[in-house]
């Protein structure tokens, strides 16, 4: 049985143990306040303004889009129990508390929680993905079971993920253009044993324009060619597929998903937690056609200029076509 270590499990642990950061503060008319900071990849701080309003801003060391919710407790002289928004970039404003009585300060305590992704994005269902391999590569596609199901957790309603296998290491490419938001390239494969699943894997996470995320996992250690913060086009080289365990076959796992809720605070049951993310079963381009992949079938990777440029602007397409003519002329 093939089991996929899904991102939700990691996020669930992080949310429980590190992402809920209690920051207690008191702002008085005399500007006396206490603020406790926690070292976190995303930090939310506040600043009191001369008009007694309070600005909340963030600093983020992570790449990509995150959804953040601030909860206010013991709030005095202001409206609002919570505020949620999507944040991008390295820093920016989250929200502002306005005083009911502008002559007095605002008293409060607050906590915040964040989750990766843009909540409930408008997914472009007309996008065609390339098989995540160099043109001409033959691979077999297998379904992946949801790891949480073996632990008694609920399975996401839309769960879908793929495992591609080949007889040798193959060049892995981006199935769609996007921003590289996470790279892990440090784990060597233990080829002395067989495992039902491996938690420590080399992986790349790419965020797409429509807010979906693609997780490529199972790279050979040291083979990854891209860095966090780098923008990649469809069919751009990412690295090499690696071995999973003592099995001689090489493999790559791929899941395409998106944040499926704005309510990241009140997921109490296993089913609710599992369904914080939705999954995409896209159309792939392959030699001989394009369609939703059939499990346990063989496919040969291919790519066309139309696939590469399908999300280009008019200016980008013009530049791309011009480069093709230039390359032909040089030959």
Foldseek 3Di string as FASTA:
>chain_A
DAADADPLVVLVVCQVPPFWDWWFWFQWPVRDMDTDWDDDQKTWDWDQDPQQKIWIKIFHPFAAKKKKKKAKDPKDQWDDGMAIDMDHDGMDTRDMTDGNDSSIHITIIMIMGMDGWDEPFDDDQVAAWFQFFAFFDKWAKAWHDYPVVVVVFDAAPADTKIKIKDLDKTWTWGRAWFAWGDWDADDAEAQPDDDSDDDDWTWIWGADPRTKIKIKTAFHHPFADDDHGDIDFRRHTGGIFADHYNPSMTMIMMWIKHQHDSPPPPQDGSHSSNHRMHTDQGWYDFPPGIGRDDHRDMTGTDDDPCNRCVPPDPVVNVVVVVVVVVVVVVD
